Amino acid sequence: MLGDALAQAGYPRHVLVACSGGPDSLALAAVAAYFARRGHVDGHPVTVGAVVVDHQLQEGSGHVAARTAAALTDLGLSPVEVRAVTVAGAGMGPEAAAREARHEALEAAAASQGADAILLGHTLDDQAEQVLLGLARGSGTRSLAGMRPARRGQGNSILLRPFLGLRRADTEEICAVEELEPWHDPTNADPSFARSRTRVEVLPHLEEKLGPGVAESLARTAAILQLDADYLEDVAESTYAALAERTGADVALPEEALRALAPAIRFRVIAKAAADVGGQQPSYQRLLAAEALLRRQGSAGPVQLPGGVGVYRLSLAELESAPEAAGPDQPGSVPRGGPRCGKLVFRHQKPPTK
């Protein structure tokens, strides 16, 4: 699995294993060490380093990180470094904050080592949990598609998850065979976290009531939805590029063309316009509110989207009669449009001055 992942990534010359000391990432490090000892993958030279991120959220976390780094060094990985991070929870939950801090540390370590790829130890069980959590949140296709085997990171490296086809029991067996002693994070069994409850309560209950194979089915669903999500994203991207009209910092979409789109593409195009002017991914409810402007009933806006974006409807009559004094330049609502089609205008709203 790891060899195939590195081949599909174009045989990176230096890879970085992200290791917490748990069984999944420690097993991945042990497999990566095989290629480190050989010095090549399919004849292509490769070196393997590692990074241990210390979130400093538990007592003794520094000791766990140091012990893990020593085990990685014994496996033959080089260089091995420990990066301590400060998890800031402002504006997000503890899990999301820890994940953001961890990824920043991984990207920084990859840059310092000149790594072309970062290896992550997520398994099929992690993928199944991700899909279940997405279902519980009422998420769309992109979220239900779960974690990708490979995706581009924020830096110059690619993130690889070669173990998405392995069960967690498989990684524990790898550690046993390699005589490695993994660390078991107590938060993985803490019911105060939604993912932990999914892991220790929900999935076992589903396996008991529905029979074995639930995790595999959920992971298979993610793989199928990844193909669907990629296709829809490609269509939405090309459609948005063809429709978007930019005036300064604003983006406008023609109503008639937008209404003619299939709903799955229309919602994605609206979301892209919001992101293009500096907004965040809108919820389904907010997308519905923006899309309702196309039905030309009630207010012409503004509809507020996350990240300080307002969406207005401008009629063609307004655009032709007074383009310089059109509604988005005004702080209030825009008048209702005439009988013919106009545009939806997306504008980032400046915060009020104190």
Protein backbone atom coordinates (compact mmCIF):
# COMPACT_ATOMS: atom_id res chain seq x y z
CA MET A 1 0.00 0.00 0.00
CA LEU A 2 2.74 2.45 0.89
CA GLY A 3 4.74 1.59 -2.22
CA ASP A 4 1.68 2.17 -4.40
CA ALA A 5 0.94 5.48 -2.68
CA LEU A 6 4.50 6.73 -3.23
CA ALA A 7 4.40 5.59 -6.86
CA GLN A 8 1.15 7.42 -7.51
CA ALA A 9 2.63 10.53 -5.88
CA GLY A 10 5.48 10.50 -8.39
CA TYR A 11 8.13 8.85 -6.18
CA PRO A 12 8.97 11.70 -3.78
CA ARG A 13 12.66 11.76 -2.84
CA HIS A 14 12.11 12.58 0.82
CA VAL A 15 8.98 11.71 2.79
CA LEU A 16 7.95 12.66 6.30
CA VAL A 17 6.03 10.32 8.61
CA ALA A 18 3.65 12.09 10.98
CA CYS A 19 3.71 9.92 14.10
CA SER A 20 1.82 10.39 17.35
CA GLY A 21 3.14 7.19 18.86
CA GLY A 22 -0.24 5.47 18.47
CA PRO A 23 -0.54 2.08 16.74
CA ASP A 24 -1.68 3.47 13.38
CA SER A 25 1.10 5.99 12.81
CA LEU A 26 3.73 3.80 14.48
CA ALA A 27 2.84 0.93 12.15
CA LEU A 28 3.11 3.32 9.20
CA ALA A 29 6.54 4.41 10.42
CA ALA A 30 7.65 0.77 10.63
CA VAL A 31 6.56 0.12 7.04
CA ALA A 32 8.20 3.36 5.86
CA ALA A 33 11.40 2.29 7.60
CA TYR A 34 11.54 -0.70 5.24
CA PHE A 35 11.91 1.68 2.30
CA ALA A 36 14.32 3.85 4.28
CA ARG A 37 16.61 0.84 4.79
CA ARG A 38 16.39 -0.10 1.11
CA GLY A 39 16.90 3.51 0.05
CA HIS A 40 14.54 3.31 -2.89
CA VAL A 41 10.98 2.61 -4.08
CA ASP A 42 10.86 0.69 -7.35
CA GLY A 43 14.39 1.89 -8.06
CA HIS A 44 13.61 5.52 -7.26
CA PRO A 45 15.75 6.88 -4.39
CA VAL A 46 13.93 7.81 -1.20
CA THR A 47 14.78 8.93 2.31
CA VAL A 48 12.36 8.94 5.23
CA GLY A 49 12.17 11.37 8.14
CA ALA A 50 9.59 11.79 10.87
CA VAL A 51 7.96 14.40 13.05
CA VAL A 52 6.16 13.98 16.38
CA VAL A 53 3.72 16.76 17.23
CA ASP A 54 3.32 17.42 20.95
CA HIS A 55 -0.03 19.15 21.45
CA GLN A 56 0.81 19.78 25.15
CA LEU A 57 -2.80 19.04 26.09
CA GLN A 58 -2.09 16.18 28.50
CA GLU A 59 0.23 15.79 31.43
CA GLY A 60 3.34 13.90 30.37
CA SER A 61 2.84 14.62 26.66
CA GLY A 62 6.48 15.68 26.33
CA HIS A 63 7.63 12.31 27.66
CA VAL A 64 5.36 10.48 25.18
CA ALA A 65 6.74 12.57 22.33
CA ALA A 66 10.36 11.94 23.33
CA ARG A 67 9.77 8.19 23.68
CA THR A 68 8.10 8.09 20.27
CA ALA A 69 10.97 10.02 18.68
CA ALA A 70 13.44 7.53 20.14
CA ALA A 71 11.46 4.62 18.69
CA LEU A 72 11.42 6.27 15.27
CA THR A 73 15.16 6.82 15.41
CA ASP A 74 15.64 3.15 16.31
CA LEU A 75 13.61 2.24 13.22
CA GLY A 76 16.17 4.10 11.12
CA LEU A 77 14.18 7.21 10.19
CA SER A 78 16.18 10.40 9.85
CA PRO A 79 15.86 13.18 10.69
CA VAL A 80 13.36 12.77 13.52
CA GLU A 81 12.08 15.89 15.22
CA VAL A 82 9.57 16.81 17.92
CA ARG A 83 7.47 19.92 17.45
CA ALA A 84 5.50 21.31 20.39
CA VAL A 85 2.43 23.36 19.49
CA THR A 86 0.00 25.57 21.35
CA VAL A 87 -3.62 24.69 20.60
CA ALA A 88 -5.74 27.84 20.43
CA GLY A 89 -9.47 27.16 20.63
CA ALA A 90 -10.74 30.57 19.55
CA GLY A 91 -13.64 30.20 17.13
CA MET A 92 -13.47 26.40 16.86
CA GLY A 93 -13.84 23.22 18.90
CA PRO A 94 -10.88 21.53 20.62
CA GLU A 95 -10.60 18.78 18.01
CA ALA A 96 -10.57 21.25 15.12
CA ALA A 97 -8.10 23.52 16.91
CA ALA A 98 -5.73 20.60 17.60
CA ARG A 99 -6.01 19.47 13.99
CA GLU A 100 -5.18 22.94 12.68
CA ALA A 101 -2.18 23.30 14.98
CA ARG A 102 -0.98 19.81 14.04
CA HIS A 103 -1.18 20.44 10.30
CA GLU A 104 0.68 23.73 10.62
CA ALA A 105 3.46 21.90 12.48
CA LEU A 106 3.56 19.13 9.86
CA GLU A 107 3.78 21.62 7.00
CA ALA A 108 6.57 23.49 8.78
CA ALA A 109 8.50 20.27 9.42
CA ALA A 110 8.08 19.19 5.80
CA ALA A 111 9.41 22.55 4.62
CA SER A 112 12.41 22.38 6.96
CA GLN A 113 13.28 18.84 5.87
CA GLY A 114 12.52 19.44 2.20
CA ALA A 115 9.93 16.65 2.22
CA ASP A 116 7.81 16.18 -0.88
CA ALA A 117 5.18 14.08 0.92
CA ILE A 118 3.74 13.74 4.42
CA LEU A 119 2.52 10.27 5.43
CA LEU A 120 -0.56 10.09 7.67
CA GLY A 121 -1.66 6.90 9.43
CA HIS A 122 -5.45 7.11 9.04
CA THR A 123 -7.14 3.73 8.62
CA LEU A 124 -10.39 2.36 7.25
CA ASP A 125 -11.88 2.72 10.75
CA ASP A 126 -11.03 6.43 10.75
CA GLN A 127 -12.69 6.78 7.35
CA ALA A 128 -15.86 5.04 8.55
CA GLU A 129 -16.01 7.33 11.59
CA GLN A 130 -15.57 10.36 9.35
CA VAL A 131 -18.53 9.35 7.17
CA LEU A 132 -20.75 8.71 10.20
CA LEU A 133 -19.89 12.11 11.67
CA GLY A 134 -20.70 13.73 8.33
CA LEU A 135 -24.07 11.99 8.26
CA ALA A 136 -24.81 13.15 11.80
CA ARG A 137 -24.07 16.76 10.81
CA GLY A 138 -26.24 16.57 7.71
CA SER A 139 -23.26 17.32 5.49
CA GLY A 140 -23.08 17.26 1.71
CA THR A 141 -21.23 15.11 -0.79
CA ARG A 142 -17.80 16.62 -0.15
CA SER A 143 -17.92 15.88 3.58
CA LEU A 144 -19.40 12.40 3.16
CA ALA A 145 -16.59 11.59 0.73
CA GLY A 146 -14.36 11.44 3.81
CA MET A 147 -10.58 11.63 3.79
CA ARG A 148 -8.71 11.36 0.51
CA PRO A 149 -5.85 8.92 -0.07
CA ALA A 150 -3.86 11.84 -1.46
CA ARG A 151 -4.36 15.58 -1.47
CA ARG A 152 -2.19 18.64 -1.87
CA GLY A 153 -1.19 20.31 1.38
CA GLN A 154 -0.95 24.02 2.03
CA GLY A 155 2.78 23.96 1.40
CA ASN A 156 4.73 22.22 -1.36
CA SER A 157 4.11 18.70 -0.07
CA ILE A 158 1.33 16.20 -0.72
CA LEU A 159 -0.53 14.45 2.10
CA LEU A 160 -0.71 10.67 1.66
CA ARG A 161 -2.91 8.22 3.58
CA PRO A 162 -1.75 4.80 2.36
CA PHE A 163 -3.50 2.84 5.16
CA LEU A 164 -7.12 3.80 4.36
CA GLY A 165 -7.68 0.20 3.29
CA LEU A 166 -6.39 -1.27 6.57
CA ARG A 167 -8.40 -1.90 9.73
CA ARG A 168 -7.11 -0.63 13.06
CA ALA A 169 -6.53 -4.22 14.17
CA ASP A 170 -4.08 -4.60 11.26
CA THR A 171 -1.92 -1.73 12.46
CA GLU A 172 -1.89 -3.15 15.98
CA GLU A 173 -0.70 -6.47 14.54
CA ILE A 174 2.08 -4.71 12.61
CA CYS A 175 3.27 -3.12 15.86
CA ALA A 176 3.19 -6.51 17.60
CA VAL A 177 5.19 -8.18 14.83
CA GLU A 178 7.74 -5.33 14.85
CA GLU A 179 7.89 -5.49 18.66
CA LEU A 180 6.85 -1.87 18.99
CA GLU A 181 4.97 -0.56 22.01
CA PRO A 182 2.44 2.02 20.83
CA TRP A 183 0.98 4.74 23.01
CA HIS A 184 -2.81 4.69 23.41
CA ASP A 185 -4.26 8.19 23.58
CA PRO A 186 -6.81 8.29 26.43
CA THR A 187 -8.90 10.88 24.56
CA ASN A 188 -9.75 8.21 21.98
CA ALA A 189 -12.03 6.66 24.60
CA ASP A 190 -13.28 9.93 26.08
CA PRO A 191 -17.07 10.12 25.50
CA SER A 192 -17.00 13.92 25.65
CA PHE A 193 -15.65 13.91 22.08
CA ALA A 194 -18.03 13.04 19.23
CA ARG A 195 -15.40 11.06 17.34
CA SER A 196 -14.55 9.02 20.44
CA ARG A 197 -18.22 8.18 21.00
CA THR A 198 -18.48 7.15 17.37
CA ARG A 199 -15.42 4.92 17.76
CA VAL A 200 -16.23 3.14 21.02
CA GLU A 201 -20.03 3.20 21.02
CA VAL A 202 -21.70 3.90 17.67
CA LEU A 203 -19.70 1.74 15.26
CA PRO A 204 -19.60 -1.32 17.56
CA HIS A 205 -23.37 -0.95 18.06
CA LEU A 206 -23.97 -0.83 14.31
CA GLU A 207 -21.76 -3.88 13.79
CA GLU A 208 -23.74 -5.71 16.48
CA LYS A 209 -27.18 -4.79 15.12
CA LEU A 210 -26.52 -4.79 11.38
CA GLY A 211 -23.81 -7.42 11.16
CA PRO A 212 -20.11 -7.23 10.32
CA GLY A 213 -18.87 -5.14 7.43
CA VAL A 214 -20.43 -1.79 8.40
CA ALA A 215 -17.06 -0.02 8.53
CA GLU A 216 -16.05 -1.41 5.14
CA SER A 217 -19.39 -0.32 3.64
CA LEU A 218 -18.99 3.21 5.00
CA ALA A 219 -15.45 3.44 3.63
CA ARG A 220 -16.67 2.14 0.26
CA THR A 221 -19.38 4.81 0.27
CA ALA A 222 -16.70 7.46 0.82
CA ALA A 223 -14.67 6.16 -2.13
CA ILE A 224 -17.71 6.29 -4.42
CA LEU A 225 -18.69 9.78 -3.26
CA GLN A 226 -15.14 11.01 -3.83
CA LEU A 227 -15.60 10.27 -7.54
CA ASP A 228 -18.97 12.01 -7.59
CA ALA A 229 -17.67 15.01 -5.64
CA ASP A 230 -14.68 15.41 -7.95
CA TYR A 231 -16.90 15.38 -11.05
CA LEU A 232 -19.36 17.90 -9.61
CA GLU A 233 -16.48 20.11 -8.47
CA ASP A 234 -14.93 20.10 -11.96
CA VAL A 235 -18.25 21.00 -13.60
CA ALA A 236 -18.96 23.72 -11.02
CA GLU A 237 -15.46 25.20 -11.40
CA SER A 238 -15.70 25.48 -15.19
CA THR A 239 -19.27 26.81 -14.98
CA TYR A 240 -18.33 29.44 -12.44
CA ALA A 241 -15.35 30.53 -14.53
CA ALA A 242 -17.67 31.00 -17.51
CA LEU A 243 -20.40 32.92 -15.61
CA ALA A 244 -18.54 35.10 -13.09
CA GLU A 245 -18.40 38.81 -13.92
CA ARG A 246 -16.02 40.88 -11.81
CA THR A 247 -16.35 44.57 -11.09
CA GLY A 248 -13.70 45.65 -8.63
CA ALA A 249 -14.01 43.41 -5.59
CA ASP A 250 -17.57 42.34 -6.47
CA VAL A 251 -18.65 39.24 -8.36
CA ALA A 252 -21.93 39.04 -10.32
CA LEU A 253 -23.70 35.98 -11.73
CA PRO A 254 -26.39 36.32 -14.44
CA GLU A 255 -29.76 35.18 -13.08
CA GLU A 256 -31.02 33.46 -16.21
CA ALA A 257 -27.90 31.33 -16.65
CA LEU A 258 -27.83 30.53 -12.92
CA ARG A 259 -31.46 29.40 -12.89
CA ALA A 260 -30.81 27.12 -15.86
CA LEU A 261 -28.21 25.11 -13.96
CA ALA A 262 -28.94 21.80 -12.25
CA PRO A 263 -29.39 22.45 -8.49
CA ALA A 264 -26.26 20.47 -7.55
CA ILE A 265 -24.17 22.77 -9.77
CA ARG A 266 -26.11 25.95 -8.96
CA PHE A 267 -25.48 25.68 -5.22
CA ARG A 268 -21.79 25.01 -5.80
CA VAL A 269 -21.48 28.02 -8.12
CA ILE A 270 -23.13 30.27 -5.51
CA ALA A 271 -20.71 28.94 -2.87
CA LYS A 272 -17.76 29.62 -5.18
CA ALA A 273 -18.89 33.21 -5.71
CA ALA A 274 -19.10 33.73 -1.96
CA ALA A 275 -15.59 32.30 -1.49
CA ASP A 276 -14.27 34.38 -4.38
CA VAL A 277 -15.13 37.65 -2.60
CA GLY A 278 -13.62 36.49 0.69
CA GLY A 279 -16.44 34.56 2.35
CA GLN A 280 -16.57 31.13 3.95
CA GLN A 281 -18.35 27.94 2.92
CA PRO A 282 -22.09 28.65 3.42
CA SER A 283 -24.35 26.18 5.16
CA TYR A 284 -27.10 24.52 3.18
CA GLN A 285 -29.69 26.84 4.78
CA ARG A 286 -27.73 29.94 3.76
CA LEU A 287 -27.34 28.61 0.21
CA LEU A 288 -31.09 28.08 0.05
CA ALA A 289 -31.65 31.66 1.18
CA ALA A 290 -29.32 33.03 -1.51
CA GLU A 291 -30.81 30.78 -4.15
CA ALA A 292 -34.31 31.97 -3.24
CA LEU A 293 -33.41 35.38 -4.68
CA LEU A 294 -33.62 33.75 -8.11
CA ARG A 295 -37.36 33.13 -7.62
CA ARG A 296 -37.86 36.92 -7.61
CA GLN A 297 -40.29 36.81 -4.70
CA GLY A 298 -40.01 39.05 -1.67
CA SER A 299 -36.87 40.98 -0.86
CA ALA A 300 -34.09 41.44 -3.38
CA GLY A 301 -31.54 41.18 -0.62
CA PRO A 302 -29.20 41.38 0.99
CA VAL A 303 -28.86 37.76 2.07
CA GLN A 304 -25.98 37.41 4.50
CA LEU A 305 -23.49 34.56 4.01
CA PRO A 306 -20.66 33.50 6.37
CA GLY A 307 -17.50 35.55 6.30
CA GLY A 308 -19.21 38.91 5.84
CA VAL A 309 -20.60 38.40 2.33
CA GLY A 310 -23.89 39.94 1.20
CA VAL A 311 -25.81 38.75 -1.87
CA TYR A 312 -28.13 41.13 -3.74
CA ARG A 313 -30.46 40.77 -6.71
CA LEU A 314 -30.26 43.53 -9.30
CA SER A 315 -32.90 43.67 -12.02
CA LEU A 316 -31.96 44.30 -15.61
CA ALA A 317 -34.00 47.50 -15.52
CA GLU A 318 -31.87 48.78 -12.63
CA LEU A 319 -28.66 47.80 -14.36
CA GLU A 320 -29.65 49.61 -17.56
CA SER A 321 -31.11 52.76 -15.95
CA ALA A 322 -28.68 53.49 -13.12
CA PRO A 323 -25.63 51.22 -13.13
CA GLU A 324 -23.56 53.57 -11.03
CA ALA A 325 -26.15 53.83 -8.25
CA ALA A 326 -27.13 50.18 -8.07
CA GLY A 327 -28.11 48.63 -4.80
CA PRO A 328 -24.86 47.03 -3.56
CA ASP A 329 -23.38 50.49 -3.08
CA GLN A 330 -26.13 51.21 -0.57
CA PRO A 331 -26.19 49.82 2.97
CA GLY A 332 -29.85 48.76 2.85
CA SER A 333 -31.91 46.42 0.70
CA VAL A 334 -32.08 46.61 -3.08
CA PRO A 335 -35.49 47.33 -4.70
CA ARG A 336 -37.32 44.48 -6.35
CA GLY A 337 -36.31 43.85 -9.91
CA GLY A 338 -38.37 44.27 -13.07
CA PRO A 339 -39.84 41.49 -15.17
CA ARG A 340 -36.63 40.68 -16.96
CA CYS A 341 -33.57 38.91 -15.56
CA GLY A 342 -30.67 40.66 -13.93
CA LYS A 343 -27.80 39.51 -11.77
CA LEU A 344 -26.93 38.24 -8.33
CA VAL A 345 -24.14 40.39 -6.93
CA PHE A 346 -21.77 39.13 -4.22
CA ARG A 347 -19.99 41.72 -2.12
CA HIS A 348 -17.82 41.48 0.96
CA GLN A 349 -19.30 43.74 3.62
CA LYS A 350 -16.89 45.94 5.53
CA PRO A 351 -17.35 45.73 9.31
CA PRO A 352 -18.93 48.87 10.76
CA THR A 353 -16.49 51.44 12.09
CA LYS A 354 -16.62 52.12 15.82
